Structures are given as structure tokens and as C-alpha cells.
Amino acid sequence: MLNIYYGNMKESVYNTAAYFKYDYEDSWIVDPFVKEMIQDVDQSTVLDSGVIDSPVLGKC
């Protein structure tokens, strides 16, 4: 479910690019649940922490 809130919220992330650049760990992407989620959402396969095989973009 998507919830949309207007106004400032204490625990909100406003700059998602910076958030994921500095708060991301390579091990997250190889978690079996995450790999399954990525496969279900866009039919891409996680090969390693730095490589995803996408049917549209190829390996990136």
C-alpha cells in the first residue's frame, strides 16, 4: 500500500539519492528475499552484489 503524506515528517527521507548512496550495503542486494523481489518486479536477476542482469538493460 502506498501512503502519501504532505508536510514535514521527522523520520522521512527527502533526498533518496543521497540516502541510498551513503546508507546502502552491498550485502542487501544478495539477500534471497530481495533477489526474489527484484525478479518478481522487473524480471531481473541479481548475479552478485554489483551485477544485475536485466532483460531490458542487460548486465548492469
Protein backbone atom coordinates (compact mmCIF):
# COMPACT_ATOMS: atom_id res chain seq x y z
CA MET A 1 0.00 0.00 0.00
CA LEU A 2 1.22 3.48 -0.84
CA ASN A 3 0.68 6.26 1.68
CA ILE A 4 1.27 9.88 0.75
CA TYR A 5 1.83 12.48 3.45
CA TYR A 6 2.18 16.22 2.96
CA GLY A 7 4.41 18.38 5.14
CA ASN A 8 7.48 17.64 7.20
CA MET A 9 7.82 14.32 8.96
CA LYS A 10 10.53 13.53 11.48
CA GLU A 11 11.60 10.16 10.02
CA SER A 12 11.16 10.97 6.33
CA VAL A 13 13.80 10.60 3.65
CA TYR A 14 13.69 13.60 1.33
CA ASN A 15 16.85 13.07 -0.70
CA THR A 16 16.61 9.42 -1.70
CA ALA A 17 19.69 9.59 -3.96
CA ALA A 18 21.90 10.68 -1.07
CA TYR A 19 20.21 8.29 1.35
CA PHE A 20 20.92 5.21 -0.76
CA LYS A 21 24.38 6.43 -1.73
CA TYR A 22 25.51 6.68 1.89
CA ASP A 23 23.26 4.17 3.70
CA TYR A 24 23.47 1.24 1.29
CA GLU A 25 25.30 -2.02 1.99
CA ASP A 26 26.28 -4.36 -0.86
CA SER A 27 25.08 -7.38 1.12
CA TRP A 28 21.44 -6.19 0.99
CA ILE A 29 21.04 -6.93 -2.71
CA VAL A 30 22.10 -10.59 -2.41
CA ASP A 31 19.57 -11.38 0.30
CA PRO A 32 17.30 -14.17 -1.04
CA PHE A 33 14.14 -12.16 -0.31
CA VAL A 34 15.48 -9.10 -2.16
CA LYS A 35 16.60 -11.21 -5.11
CA GLU A 36 13.11 -12.72 -5.35
CA MET A 37 11.50 -9.30 -5.11
CA ILE A 38 13.67 -7.89 -7.92
CA GLN A 39 12.87 -10.92 -10.07
CA ASP A 40 9.13 -10.50 -9.45
CA VAL A 41 9.05 -6.74 -10.04
CA ASP A 42 11.09 -6.34 -13.22
CA GLN A 43 12.20 -9.85 -14.20
CA SER A 44 15.86 -9.01 -13.49
CA THR A 45 18.25 -11.50 -11.92
CA VAL A 46 20.73 -10.50 -9.20
CA LEU A 47 24.02 -12.16 -10.11
CA ASP A 48 26.20 -10.55 -7.43
CA SER A 49 26.23 -7.52 -5.15
CA GLY A 50 27.32 -5.32 -8.05
CA VAL A 51 25.66 -7.03 -11.04
CA ILE A 52 22.02 -7.33 -12.04
CA ASP A 53 21.02 -8.99 -15.30
CA SER A 54 18.07 -7.09 -16.73
CA PRO A 55 16.08 -8.27 -19.78
CA VAL A 56 15.93 -4.63 -20.91
CA LEU A 57 19.34 -3.19 -19.94
CA GLY A 58 21.48 -6.33 -19.93
CA LYS A 59 24.06 -6.68 -17.18
CA CYS A 60 24.48 -3.54 -15.14
